[in-house]
Amino acid sequence: MLPAISALDHQIEYFLYLHRTPELVNVFTWITFLGDARVITVIGISMAIVLYRHRRFSYIAGLAVSIFGSLLASYLIKIIVARARPLPSFAAIDAPGYSFPSMHAACSIAMYGFLIYMIYKLLHPPHHRFPLVSVLAALILLIGFSRVYLGVHYPSDVLGGFVVGGFFLWLSTYAVARLETRTTKSLRRK
């Protein structure tokens, strides 16, 4: 990492460590659990089943691109960059492996961001969208913050995870749009 970014990461990490409370550690441990790759995978499979029952095949493809693309890319980048996690004495929970990018951040924006996209595209009436979108957007940000608060990632790791997950979220929405257009054209021909 660049020295200026690394210095800022360490300052923020130390500040949060000094202001950590047992109650907030418990709260953020639960929140961070919602960004775990295993939880994201279970939610994704559940969503795929629901989408399959509603014959929304393009959304299943988009969901797969978003989740599995961000998982694979995060894993590969972690191996390539090989950034050490913050000092174990700063960590409130165990987190093995490398630090950059945060896979929790990448997976949360990939999964919950795709849910936001589906809500925007599929949920009617429109006035029901705002509360759900607000909760999911807040959840994405809280999962990212939880990784820093719990001392297992630096802020730049979380931002890197959001970039990775955001890229695959964008790619997934592009895939859905292309598949929907292709399906519409093929139906017109019949």
N, C-alpha and C. Protein backbone atom coordinates (compact mmCIF):
# COMPACT_ATOMS: atom_id res chain seq x y z
N MET A 1 0.83 -1.19 0.00
CA MET A 1 0.00 0.00 0.00
C MET A 1 0.88 1.26 0.00
N LEU A 2 0.32 2.31 -0.52
CA LEU A 2 1.03 3.59 -0.50
C LEU A 2 1.23 4.04 0.94
N PRO A 3 2.37 4.66 1.25
CA PRO A 3 2.65 5.06 2.64
C PRO A 3 1.58 5.97 3.24
N ALA A 4 1.05 6.91 2.46
CA ALA A 4 0.03 7.82 3.00
C ALA A 4 -1.25 7.07 3.34
N ILE A 5 -1.65 6.15 2.46
CA ILE A 5 -2.86 5.36 2.71
C ILE A 5 -2.64 4.44 3.90
N SER A 6 -1.47 3.82 3.96
CA SER A 6 -1.15 2.93 5.07
C SER A 6 -1.15 3.67 6.41
N ALA A 7 -0.60 4.87 6.41
CA ALA A 7 -0.57 5.67 7.65
C ALA A 7 -1.98 6.03 8.09
N LEU A 8 -2.83 6.43 7.14
CA LEU A 8 -4.21 6.77 7.47
C LEU A 8 -4.96 5.53 7.97
N ASP A 9 -4.74 4.39 7.31
CA ASP A 9 -5.34 3.13 7.76
C ASP A 9 -5.01 2.84 9.22
N HIS A 10 -3.74 2.97 9.56
CA HIS A 10 -3.28 2.68 10.93
C HIS A 10 -3.87 3.66 11.94
N GLN A 11 -3.98 4.93 11.56
CA GLN A 11 -4.56 5.93 12.46
C GLN A 11 -6.03 5.63 12.75
N ILE A 12 -6.78 5.31 11.70
CA ILE A 12 -8.20 5.00 11.88
C ILE A 12 -8.36 3.73 12.71
N GLU A 13 -7.55 2.72 12.41
CA GLU A 13 -7.61 1.45 13.14
C GLU A 13 -7.34 1.67 14.63
N TYR A 14 -6.34 2.47 14.94
CA TYR A 14 -5.99 2.74 16.33
C TYR A 14 -7.09 3.54 17.03
N PHE A 15 -7.65 4.53 16.34
CA PHE A 15 -8.73 5.33 16.91
C PHE A 15 -9.92 4.45 17.27
N LEU A 16 -10.31 3.57 16.35
CA LEU A 16 -11.45 2.68 16.63
C LEU A 16 -11.13 1.69 17.74
N TYR A 17 -9.91 1.23 17.79
CA TYR A 17 -9.50 0.32 18.85
C TYR A 17 -9.64 0.98 20.22
N LEU A 18 -9.25 2.24 20.32
CA LEU A 18 -9.34 2.98 21.59
C LEU A 18 -10.79 3.21 22.02
N HIS A 19 -11.71 3.26 21.04
CA HIS A 19 -13.10 3.56 21.34
C HIS A 19 -14.02 2.34 21.22
N ARG A 20 -13.44 1.17 21.23
CA ARG A 20 -14.21 -0.07 21.10
C ARG A 20 -14.86 -0.41 22.44
N THR A 21 -16.11 -0.86 22.40
CA THR A 21 -16.81 -1.30 23.60
C THR A 21 -17.28 -2.74 23.40
N PRO A 22 -17.41 -3.50 24.48
CA PRO A 22 -17.88 -4.89 24.34
C PRO A 22 -19.27 -4.99 23.70
N GLU A 23 -20.14 -4.03 24.02
CA GLU A 23 -21.49 -4.04 23.46
C GLU A 23 -21.47 -3.86 21.94
N LEU A 24 -20.66 -2.90 21.48
CA LEU A 24 -20.58 -2.68 20.04
C LEU A 24 -19.85 -3.81 19.33
N VAL A 25 -18.90 -4.43 20.00
CA VAL A 25 -18.24 -5.61 19.41
C VAL A 25 -19.29 -6.69 19.15
N ASN A 26 -20.20 -6.92 20.10
CA ASN A 26 -21.27 -7.90 19.90
C ASN A 26 -22.17 -7.54 18.73
N VAL A 27 -22.57 -6.27 18.67
CA VAL A 27 -23.44 -5.81 17.58
C VAL A 27 -22.75 -5.98 16.23
N PHE A 28 -21.51 -5.52 16.12
CA PHE A 28 -20.81 -5.58 14.85
C PHE A 28 -20.37 -7.00 14.48
N THR A 29 -20.25 -7.88 15.46
CA THR A 29 -19.97 -9.28 15.15
C THR A 29 -21.17 -9.90 14.43
N TRP A 30 -22.38 -9.55 14.88
CA TRP A 30 -23.58 -10.03 14.19
C TRP A 30 -23.70 -9.43 12.81
N ILE A 31 -23.42 -8.14 12.70
CA ILE A 31 -23.52 -7.47 11.40
C ILE A 31 -22.51 -8.04 10.42
N THR A 32 -21.28 -8.26 10.88
CA THR A 32 -20.24 -8.78 9.98
C THR A 32 -20.59 -10.19 9.50
N PHE A 33 -21.31 -10.95 10.32
CA PHE A 33 -21.75 -12.29 9.95
C PHE A 33 -22.60 -12.26 8.68
N LEU A 34 -23.38 -11.20 8.49
CA LEU A 34 -24.25 -11.08 7.31
C LEU A 34 -23.47 -10.84 6.02
N GLY A 35 -22.17 -10.57 6.13
CA GLY A 35 -21.34 -10.40 4.95
C GLY A 35 -20.41 -11.57 4.71
N ASP A 36 -20.49 -12.60 5.54
CA ASP A 36 -19.64 -13.78 5.39
C ASP A 36 -19.98 -14.49 4.08
N ALA A 37 -18.96 -14.99 3.40
CA ALA A 37 -19.15 -15.63 2.09
C ALA A 37 -20.12 -16.80 2.17
N ARG A 38 -20.11 -17.54 3.27
CA ARG A 38 -21.03 -18.68 3.40
C ARG A 38 -22.48 -18.20 3.52
N VAL A 39 -22.70 -17.14 4.29
CA VAL A 39 -24.04 -16.59 4.45
C VAL A 39 -24.52 -16.00 3.12
N ILE A 40 -23.63 -15.28 2.44
CA ILE A 40 -23.97 -14.70 1.14
C ILE A 40 -24.33 -15.80 0.15
N THR A 41 -23.60 -16.90 0.17
CA THR A 41 -23.87 -18.02 -0.74
C THR A 41 -25.24 -18.63 -0.45
N VAL A 42 -25.56 -18.82 0.82
CA VAL A 42 -26.87 -19.39 1.19
C VAL A 42 -28.00 -18.44 0.76
N ILE A 43 -27.84 -17.16 1.00
CA ILE A 43 -28.86 -16.19 0.58
C ILE A 43 -28.97 -16.20 -0.94
N GLY A 44 -27.83 -16.25 -1.63
CA GLY A 44 -27.83 -16.27 -3.09
C GLY A 44 -28.53 -17.49 -3.65
N ILE A 45 -28.27 -18.66 -3.09
CA ILE A 45 -28.93 -19.89 -3.55
C ILE A 45 -30.43 -19.80 -3.29
N SER A 46 -30.81 -19.27 -2.13
CA SER A 46 -32.23 -19.10 -1.81
C SER A 46 -32.90 -18.16 -2.80
N MET A 47 -32.22 -17.07 -3.12
CA MET A 47 -32.76 -16.12 -4.09
C MET A 47 -32.87 -16.77 -5.47
N ALA A 48 -31.89 -17.57 -5.85
CA ALA A 48 -31.92 -18.25 -7.15
C ALA A 48 -33.12 -19.20 -7.25
N ILE A 49 -33.44 -19.87 -6.15
CA ILE A 49 -34.60 -20.77 -6.15
C ILE A 49 -35.89 -19.98 -6.36
N VAL A 50 -36.01 -18.86 -5.65
CA VAL A 50 -37.20 -18.01 -5.80
C VAL A 50 -37.28 -17.48 -7.23
N LEU A 51 -36.15 -17.02 -7.76
CA LEU A 51 -36.14 -16.50 -9.13
C LEU A 51 -36.47 -17.60 -10.15
N TYR A 52 -36.00 -18.80 -9.90
CA TYR A 52 -36.30 -19.92 -10.79
C TYR A 52 -37.80 -20.20 -10.81
N ARG A 53 -38.41 -20.18 -9.65
CA ARG A 53 -39.86 -20.43 -9.57
C ARG A 53 -40.66 -19.35 -10.31
N HIS A 54 -40.10 -18.16 -10.38
CA HIS A 54 -40.78 -17.06 -11.08
C HIS A 54 -40.27 -16.90 -12.52
N ARG A 55 -39.46 -17.86 -12.95
CA ARG A 55 -38.94 -17.89 -14.32
C ARG A 55 -38.17 -16.62 -14.69
N ARG A 56 -37.38 -16.12 -13.76
CA ARG A 56 -36.53 -14.94 -13.97
C ARG A 56 -35.09 -15.41 -14.18
N PHE A 57 -34.88 -16.09 -15.29
CA PHE A 57 -33.59 -16.73 -15.56
C PHE A 57 -32.46 -15.72 -15.77
N SER A 58 -32.77 -14.59 -16.36
CA SER A 58 -31.73 -13.58 -16.56
C SER A 58 -31.23 -13.05 -15.21
N TYR A 59 -32.12 -12.96 -14.24
CA TYR A 59 -31.72 -12.48 -12.90
C TYR A 59 -30.89 -13.53 -12.16
N ILE A 60 -31.17 -14.80 -12.42
CA ILE A 60 -30.34 -15.86 -11.83
C ILE A 60 -28.92 -15.74 -12.37
N ALA A 61 -28.79 -15.52 -13.67
CA ALA A 61 -27.46 -15.36 -14.27
C ALA A 61 -26.76 -14.14 -13.69
N GLY A 62 -27.47 -13.04 -13.56
CA GLY A 62 -26.89 -11.82 -12.98
C GLY A 62 -26.46 -12.02 -11.54
N LEU A 63 -27.27 -12.70 -10.77
CA LEU A 63 -26.94 -12.99 -9.38
C LEU A 63 -25.67 -13.83 -9.29
N ALA A 64 -25.55 -14.82 -10.16
CA ALA A 64 -24.36 -15.67 -10.17
C ALA A 64 -23.12 -14.86 -10.54
N VAL A 65 -23.23 -14.00 -11.54
CA VAL A 65 -22.10 -13.16 -11.94
C VAL A 65 -21.68 -12.27 -10.77
N SER A 66 -22.64 -11.66 -10.11
CA SER A 66 -22.34 -10.73 -9.03
C SER A 66 -21.66 -11.43 -7.85
N ILE A 67 -22.26 -12.51 -7.38
CA ILE A 67 -21.73 -13.18 -6.18
C ILE A 67 -20.44 -13.92 -6.47
N PHE A 68 -20.48 -14.81 -7.44
CA PHE A 68 -19.31 -15.65 -7.67
C PHE A 68 -18.16 -14.89 -8.30
N GLY A 69 -18.47 -13.88 -9.11
CA GLY A 69 -17.40 -13.04 -9.66
C GLY A 69 -16.67 -12.29 -8.57
N SER A 70 -17.42 -11.70 -7.64
CA SER A 70 -16.77 -10.95 -6.55
C SER A 70 -16.03 -11.87 -5.60
N LEU A 71 -16.56 -13.06 -5.35
CA LEU A 71 -15.87 -14.03 -4.49
C LEU A 71 -14.54 -14.45 -5.11
N LEU A 72 -14.58 -14.84 -6.36
CA LEU A 72 -13.37 -15.32 -7.04
C LEU A 72 -12.34 -14.20 -7.18
N ALA A 73 -12.79 -13.03 -7.62
CA ALA A 73 -11.85 -11.92 -7.80
C ALA A 73 -11.23 -11.50 -6.47
N SER A 74 -12.02 -11.43 -5.42
CA SER A 74 -11.48 -11.06 -4.10
C SER A 74 -10.44 -12.06 -3.65
N TYR A 75 -10.75 -13.33 -3.82
CA TYR A 75 -9.82 -14.38 -3.42
C TYR A 75 -8.50 -14.27 -4.18
N LEU A 76 -8.58 -14.10 -5.48
CA LEU A 76 -7.36 -14.00 -6.29
C LEU A 76 -6.55 -12.75 -5.96
N ILE A 77 -7.23 -11.63 -5.76
CA ILE A 77 -6.52 -10.39 -5.42
C ILE A 77 -5.84 -10.53 -4.06
N LYS A 78 -6.51 -11.18 -3.11
CA LYS A 78 -5.89 -11.41 -1.79
C LYS A 78 -4.57 -12.16 -1.94
N ILE A 79 -4.56 -13.18 -2.78
CA ILE A 79 -3.34 -13.98 -2.98
C ILE A 79 -2.25 -13.15 -3.65
N ILE A 80 -2.64 -12.36 -4.63
CA ILE A 80 -1.66 -11.56 -5.37
C ILE A 80 -1.07 -10.45 -4.50
N VAL A 81 -1.93 -9.72 -3.80
CA VAL A 81 -1.47 -8.58 -2.98
C VAL A 81 -0.81 -9.06 -1.69
N ALA A 82 -1.36 -10.07 -1.07
CA ALA A 82 -0.81 -10.67 0.16
C ALA A 82 -0.54 -9.65 1.27
N ARG A 83 -1.50 -8.77 1.49
CA ARG A 83 -1.37 -7.77 2.56
C ARG A 83 -1.74 -8.39 3.90
N ALA A 84 -0.88 -8.20 4.88
CA ALA A 84 -1.15 -8.73 6.22
C ALA A 84 -2.32 -7.97 6.86
N ARG A 85 -3.04 -8.67 7.69
CA ARG A 85 -4.14 -8.05 8.43
C ARG A 85 -3.57 -7.14 9.52
N PRO A 86 -4.44 -6.30 10.11
CA PRO A 86 -3.99 -5.51 11.26
C PRO A 86 -3.44 -6.43 12.36
N LEU A 87 -2.68 -5.87 13.25
CA LEU A 87 -2.08 -6.65 14.33
C LEU A 87 -3.14 -7.45 15.07
N PRO A 88 -2.85 -8.72 15.39
CA PRO A 88 -3.83 -9.54 16.11
C PRO A 88 -4.30 -8.91 17.42
N SER A 89 -3.46 -8.11 18.04
CA SER A 89 -3.86 -7.46 19.29
C SER A 89 -4.99 -6.45 19.08
N PHE A 90 -5.18 -5.99 17.83
CA PHE A 90 -6.27 -5.06 17.51
C PHE A 90 -7.57 -5.79 17.17
N ALA A 91 -7.49 -7.07 16.85
CA ALA A 91 -8.65 -7.81 16.37
C ALA A 91 -9.56 -8.25 17.51
N ALA A 92 -10.86 -8.00 17.34
CA ALA A 92 -11.85 -8.44 18.32
C ALA A 92 -12.37 -9.83 17.98
N ILE A 93 -12.16 -10.28 16.74
CA ILE A 93 -12.58 -11.61 16.30
C ILE A 93 -11.44 -12.22 15.48
N ASP A 94 -11.53 -13.52 15.27
CA ASP A 94 -10.52 -14.19 14.44
C ASP A 94 -10.85 -14.00 12.96
N ALA A 95 -9.82 -13.75 12.17
CA ALA A 95 -9.99 -13.64 10.73
C ALA A 95 -8.70 -14.12 10.07
N PRO A 96 -8.72 -15.32 9.52
CA PRO A 96 -7.52 -15.84 8.89
C PRO A 96 -7.31 -15.25 7.50
N GLY A 97 -6.15 -15.44 6.96
CA GLY A 97 -5.88 -15.05 5.58
C GLY A 97 -5.40 -13.62 5.45
N TYR A 98 -5.34 -13.20 4.21
CA TYR A 98 -4.85 -11.87 3.89
C TYR A 98 -5.95 -10.82 4.04
N SER A 99 -5.52 -9.57 3.98
CA SER A 99 -6.40 -8.46 4.30
C SER A 99 -7.05 -7.78 3.09
N PHE A 100 -6.29 -7.57 2.03
CA PHE A 100 -6.80 -6.76 0.90
C PHE A 100 -7.18 -7.64 -0.27
N PRO A 101 -8.39 -7.44 -0.80
CA PRO A 101 -9.50 -6.60 -0.36
C PRO A 101 -10.38 -7.35 0.64
N SER A 102 -11.26 -6.62 1.29
CA SER A 102 -12.19 -7.25 2.22
C SER A 102 -13.21 -8.05 1.42
N MET A 103 -13.20 -9.36 1.62
CA MET A 103 -14.16 -10.21 0.91
C MET A 103 -15.58 -9.97 1.44
N HIS A 104 -15.70 -9.65 2.73
CA HIS A 104 -17.01 -9.32 3.28
C HIS A 104 -17.60 -8.10 2.57
N ALA A 105 -16.77 -7.07 2.36
CA ALA A 105 -17.25 -5.86 1.69
C ALA A 105 -17.63 -6.17 0.24
N ALA A 106 -16.79 -6.93 -0.44
CA ALA A 106 -17.06 -7.28 -1.84
C ALA A 106 -18.35 -8.09 -1.97
N CYS A 107 -18.49 -9.09 -1.11
CA CYS A 107 -19.67 -9.95 -1.17
C CYS A 107 -20.94 -9.22 -0.76
N SER A 108 -20.83 -8.33 0.21
CA SER A 108 -22.04 -7.62 0.66
C SER A 108 -22.56 -6.69 -0.41
N ILE A 109 -21.67 -5.97 -1.08
CA ILE A 109 -22.16 -5.08 -2.14
C ILE A 109 -22.63 -5.88 -3.35
N ALA A 110 -22.00 -7.02 -3.61
CA ALA A 110 -22.42 -7.87 -4.71
C ALA A 110 -23.81 -8.47 -4.46
N MET A 111 -24.04 -9.00 -3.27
CA MET A 111 -25.31 -9.66 -2.96
C MET A 111 -26.42 -8.66 -2.67
N TYR A 112 -26.18 -7.82 -1.66
CA TYR A 112 -27.24 -6.90 -1.26
C TYR A 112 -27.44 -5.80 -2.29
N GLY A 113 -26.39 -5.45 -3.01
CA GLY A 113 -26.53 -4.50 -4.12
C GLY A 113 -27.37 -5.09 -5.23
N PHE A 114 -27.19 -6.38 -5.51
CA PHE A 114 -28.02 -7.02 -6.53
C PHE A 114 -29.47 -7.09 -6.06
N LEU A 115 -29.69 -7.31 -4.78
CA LEU A 115 -31.06 -7.29 -4.25
C LEU A 115 -31.68 -5.90 -4.43
N ILE A 116 -30.89 -4.86 -4.21
CA ILE A 116 -31.38 -3.49 -4.45
C ILE A 116 -31.78 -3.33 -5.91
N TYR A 117 -30.94 -3.82 -6.81
CA TYR A 117 -31.24 -3.75 -8.23
C TYR A 117 -32.55 -4.48 -8.55
N MET A 118 -32.72 -5.67 -7.99
CA MET A 118 -33.95 -6.43 -8.24
C MET A 118 -35.18 -5.72 -7.67
N ILE A 119 -35.02 -5.15 -6.49
CA ILE A 119 -36.13 -4.40 -5.90
C ILE A 119 -36.52 -3.24 -6.80
N TYR A 120 -35.52 -2.53 -7.29
CA TYR A 120 -35.77 -1.39 -8.17
C TYR A 120 -36.48 -1.83 -9.46
N LYS A 121 -36.07 -2.96 -10.01
CA LYS A 121 -36.62 -3.41 -11.29
C LYS A 121 -37.94 -4.16 -11.16
N LEU A 122 -38.14 -4.90 -10.07
CA LEU A 122 -39.25 -5.84 -10.01
C LEU A 122 -40.34 -5.52 -8.99
N LEU A 123 -40.03 -4.73 -7.98
CA LEU A 123 -41.01 -4.52 -6.91
C LEU A 123 -42.00 -3.42 -7.28
N HIS A 124 -43.26 -3.76 -7.15
CA HIS A 124 -44.34 -2.80 -7.39
C HIS A 124 -45.30 -2.88 -6.21
N PRO A 125 -45.87 -1.81 -5.76
CA PRO A 125 -45.76 -0.44 -6.24
C PRO A 125 -44.43 0.20 -5.84
N PRO A 126 -44.03 1.22 -6.59
CA PRO A 126 -42.72 1.85 -6.38
C PRO A 126 -42.49 2.40 -4.97
N HIS A 127 -43.53 2.84 -4.27
CA HIS A 127 -43.32 3.43 -2.95
C HIS A 127 -42.86 2.39 -1.92
N HIS A 128 -42.92 1.12 -2.24
CA HIS A 128 -42.42 0.08 -1.34
C HIS A 128 -40.91 -0.10 -1.47
N ARG A 129 -40.32 0.48 -2.50
CA ARG A 129 -38.90 0.28 -2.76
C ARG A 129 -38.01 1.00 -1.75
N PHE A 130 -38.33 2.23 -1.44
CA PHE A 130 -37.43 3.06 -0.64
C PHE A 130 -37.04 2.45 0.70
N PRO A 131 -38.00 1.95 1.50
CA PRO A 131 -37.59 1.38 2.80
C PRO A 131 -36.64 0.19 2.65
N LEU A 132 -36.92 -0.69 1.71
CA LEU A 132 -36.07 -1.86 1.52
C LEU A 132 -34.69 -1.47 1.00
N VAL A 133 -34.66 -0.58 0.03
CA VAL A 133 -33.39 -0.12 -0.53
C VAL A 133 -32.56 0.57 0.55
N SER A 134 -33.20 1.37 1.39
CA SER A 134 -32.49 2.07 2.47
C SER A 134 -31.87 1.10 3.46
N VAL A 135 -32.63 0.08 3.84
CA VAL A 135 -32.12 -0.92 4.80
C VAL A 135 -30.95 -1.68 4.20
N LEU A 136 -31.07 -2.10 2.95
CA LEU A 136 -30.00 -2.87 2.31
C LEU A 136 -28.74 -2.02 2.10
N ALA A 137 -28.93 -0.76 1.71
CA ALA A 137 -27.77 0.13 1.53
C ALA A 137 -27.06 0.36 2.86
N ALA A 138 -27.84 0.57 3.92
CA ALA A 138 -27.25 0.74 5.25
C ALA A 138 -26.52 -0.53 5.68
N LEU A 139 -27.10 -1.69 5.38
CA LEU A 139 -26.46 -2.95 5.73
C LEU A 139 -25.10 -3.11 5.04
N ILE A 140 -25.02 -2.75 3.77
CA ILE A 140 -23.75 -2.82 3.04
C ILE A 140 -22.70 -1.97 3.74
N LEU A 141 -23.06 -0.74 4.07
CA LEU A 141 -22.11 0.17 4.73
C LEU A 141 -21.73 -0.33 6.12
N LEU A 142 -22.70 -0.86 6.85
CA LEU A 142 -22.43 -1.36 8.20
C LEU A 142 -21.53 -2.59 8.18
N ILE A 143 -21.72 -3.45 7.20
CA ILE A 143 -20.84 -4.63 7.09
C ILE A 143 -19.41 -4.17 6.83
N GLY A 144 -19.26 -3.22 5.92
CA GLY A 144 -17.91 -2.69 5.66
C GLY A 144 -17.30 -2.06 6.90
N PHE A 145 -18.06 -1.24 7.60
CA PHE A 145 -17.56 -0.59 8.81
C PHE A 145 -17.23 -1.62 9.88
N SER A 146 -18.05 -2.67 9.98
CA SER A 146 -17.84 -3.69 11.01
C SER A 146 -16.47 -4.35 10.88
N ARG A 147 -16.00 -4.51 9.65
CA ARG A 147 -14.70 -5.15 9.44
C ARG A 147 -13.56 -4.30 10.00
N VAL A 148 -13.70 -2.99 9.88
CA VAL A 148 -12.69 -2.08 10.42
C VAL A 148 -12.85 -1.97 11.93
N TYR A 149 -14.09 -1.83 12.40
CA TYR A 149 -14.33 -1.70 13.84
C TYR A 149 -13.83 -2.91 14.61
N LEU A 150 -14.02 -4.09 14.04
CA LEU A 150 -13.60 -5.32 14.71
C LEU A 150 -12.10 -5.58 14.58
N GLY A 151 -11.41 -4.72 13.85
CA GLY A 151 -9.95 -4.79 13.77
C GLY A 151 -9.40 -5.87 12.88
N VAL A 152 -10.19 -6.34 11.90
CA VAL A 152 -9.70 -7.39 11.02
C VAL A 152 -9.39 -6.89 9.60
N HIS A 153 -9.71 -5.63 9.34
CA HIS A 153 -9.40 -5.01 8.05
C HIS A 153 -9.06 -3.54 8.26
N TYR A 154 -8.29 -3.03 7.34
CA TYR A 154 -8.04 -1.59 7.27
C TYR A 154 -9.14 -0.95 6.42
N PRO A 155 -9.36 0.36 6.57
CA PRO A 155 -10.37 1.02 5.75
C PRO A 155 -10.12 0.85 4.24
N SER A 156 -8.86 0.88 3.82
CA SER A 156 -8.58 0.72 2.38
C SER A 156 -8.92 -0.69 1.90
N ASP A 157 -8.87 -1.68 2.78
CA ASP A 157 -9.29 -3.04 2.41
C ASP A 157 -10.79 -3.06 2.09
N VAL A 158 -11.55 -2.36 2.93
CA VAL A 158 -13.00 -2.31 2.74
C VAL A 158 -13.33 -1.54 1.46
N LEU A 159 -12.67 -0.42 1.24
CA LEU A 159 -12.92 0.32 0.00
C LEU A 159 -12.55 -0.52 -1.21
N GLY A 160 -11.44 -1.24 -1.14
CA GLY A 160 -11.06 -2.13 -2.22
C GLY A 160 -12.10 -3.21 -2.46
N GLY A 161 -12.65 -3.76 -1.38
CA GLY A 161 -13.72 -4.75 -1.50
C GLY A 161 -14.97 -4.17 -2.14
N PHE A 162 -15.31 -2.95 -1.76
CA PHE A 162 -16.47 -2.30 -2.38
C PHE A 162 -16.26 -2.08 -3.88
N VAL A 163 -15.03 -1.75 -4.27
CA VAL A 163 -14.73 -1.57 -5.70
C VAL A 163 -14.88 -2.89 -6.44
N VAL A 164 -14.30 -3.95 -5.89
CA VAL A 164 -14.39 -5.27 -6.53
C VAL A 164 -15.85 -5.71 -6.64
N GLY A 165 -16.57 -5.67 -5.51
CA GLY A 165 -17.98 -6.06 -5.52
C GLY A 165 -18.82 -5.16 -6.41
N GLY A 166 -18.52 -3.86 -6.39
CA GLY A 166 -19.25 -2.92 -7.22
C GLY A 166 -19.06 -3.19 -8.71
N PHE A 167 -17.84 -3.57 -9.09
CA PHE A 167 -17.59 -3.90 -10.49
C PHE A 167 -18.44 -5.10 -10.92
N PHE A 168 -18.47 -6.15 -10.09
CA PHE A 168 -19.25 -7.33 -10.46
C PHE A 168 -20.75 -7.07 -10.34
N LEU A 169 -21.16 -6.17 -9.48
CA LEU A 169 -22.56 -5.76 -9.43
C LEU A 169 -22.93 -5.08 -10.74
N TRP A 170 -22.09 -4.15 -11.19
CA TRP A 170 -22.34 -3.49 -12.47
C TRP A 170 -22.38 -4.51 -13.61
N LEU A 171 -21.41 -5.41 -13.63
CA LEU A 171 -21.35 -6.43 -14.67
C LEU A 171 -22.61 -7.31 -14.66
N SER A 172 -23.10 -7.61 -13.47
CA SER A 172 -24.31 -8.44 -13.37
C SER A 172 -25.54 -7.72 -13.89
N THR A 173 -25.66 -6.43 -13.61
CA THR A 173 -26.81 -5.68 -14.12
C THR A 173 -26.73 -5.54 -15.65
N TYR A 174 -25.53 -5.42 -16.15
CA TYR A 174 -25.33 -5.38 -17.60
C TYR A 174 -25.74 -6.72 -18.21
N ALA A 175 -25.34 -7.82 -17.58
CA ALA A 175 -25.70 -9.15 -18.08
C ALA A 175 -27.22 -9.34 -18.08
N VAL A 176 -27.89 -8.91 -17.02
CA VAL A 176 -29.35 -9.04 -16.95
C VAL A 176 -29.99 -8.25 -18.08
N ALA A 177 -29.55 -7.02 -18.28
CA ALA A 177 -30.13 -6.18 -19.33
C ALA A 177 -29.93 -6.82 -20.71
N ARG A 178 -28.74 -7.34 -20.97
CA ARG A 178 -28.46 -7.99 -22.27
C ARG A 178 -29.33 -9.23 -22.46
N LEU A 179 -29.44 -10.05 -21.42
CA LEU A 179 -30.26 -11.26 -21.52
C LEU A 179 -31.74 -10.92 -21.68
N GLU A 180 -32.20 -9.90 -20.98
CA GLU A 180 -33.60 -9.48 -21.11
C GLU A 180 -33.88 -8.99 -22.53
N THR A 181 -32.96 -8.22 -23.09
CA THR A 181 -33.11 -7.71 -24.45
C THR A 181 -33.13 -8.87 -25.45
N ARG A 182 -32.23 -9.81 -25.27
CA ARG A 182 -32.16 -10.98 -26.16
C ARG A 182 -33.45 -11.80 -26.06
N THR A 183 -33.97 -11.99 -24.85
CA THR A 183 -35.21 -12.75 -24.67
C THR A 183 -36.39 -12.04 -25.32
N THR A 184 -36.44 -10.73 -25.15
CA THR A 184 -37.53 -9.94 -25.76
C THR A 184 -37.48 -10.05 -27.27
N LYS A 185 -36.31 -9.95 -27.86
CA LYS A 185 -36.18 -10.05 -29.32
C LYS A 185 -36.58 -11.42 -29.82
N SER A 186 -36.21 -12.48 -29.10
CA SER A 186 -36.56 -13.83 -29.54
C SER A 186 -38.05 -14.08 -29.42
N LEU A 187 -38.70 -13.47 -28.41
CA LEU A 187 -40.16 -13.62 -28.27
C LEU A 187 -40.90 -12.88 -29.38
N ARG A 188 -40.37 -11.75 -29.82
CA ARG A 188 -41.00 -10.99 -30.91
C ARG A 188 -40.96 -11.74 -32.23
N ARG A 189 -39.90 -12.51 -32.41
CA ARG A 189 -39.75 -13.26 -33.66
C ARG A 189 -40.76 -14.41 -33.76
N LYS A 190 -41.21 -14.91 -32.62
CA LYS A 190 -42.13 -16.07 -32.64
C LYS A 190 -43.52 -15.71 -33.00
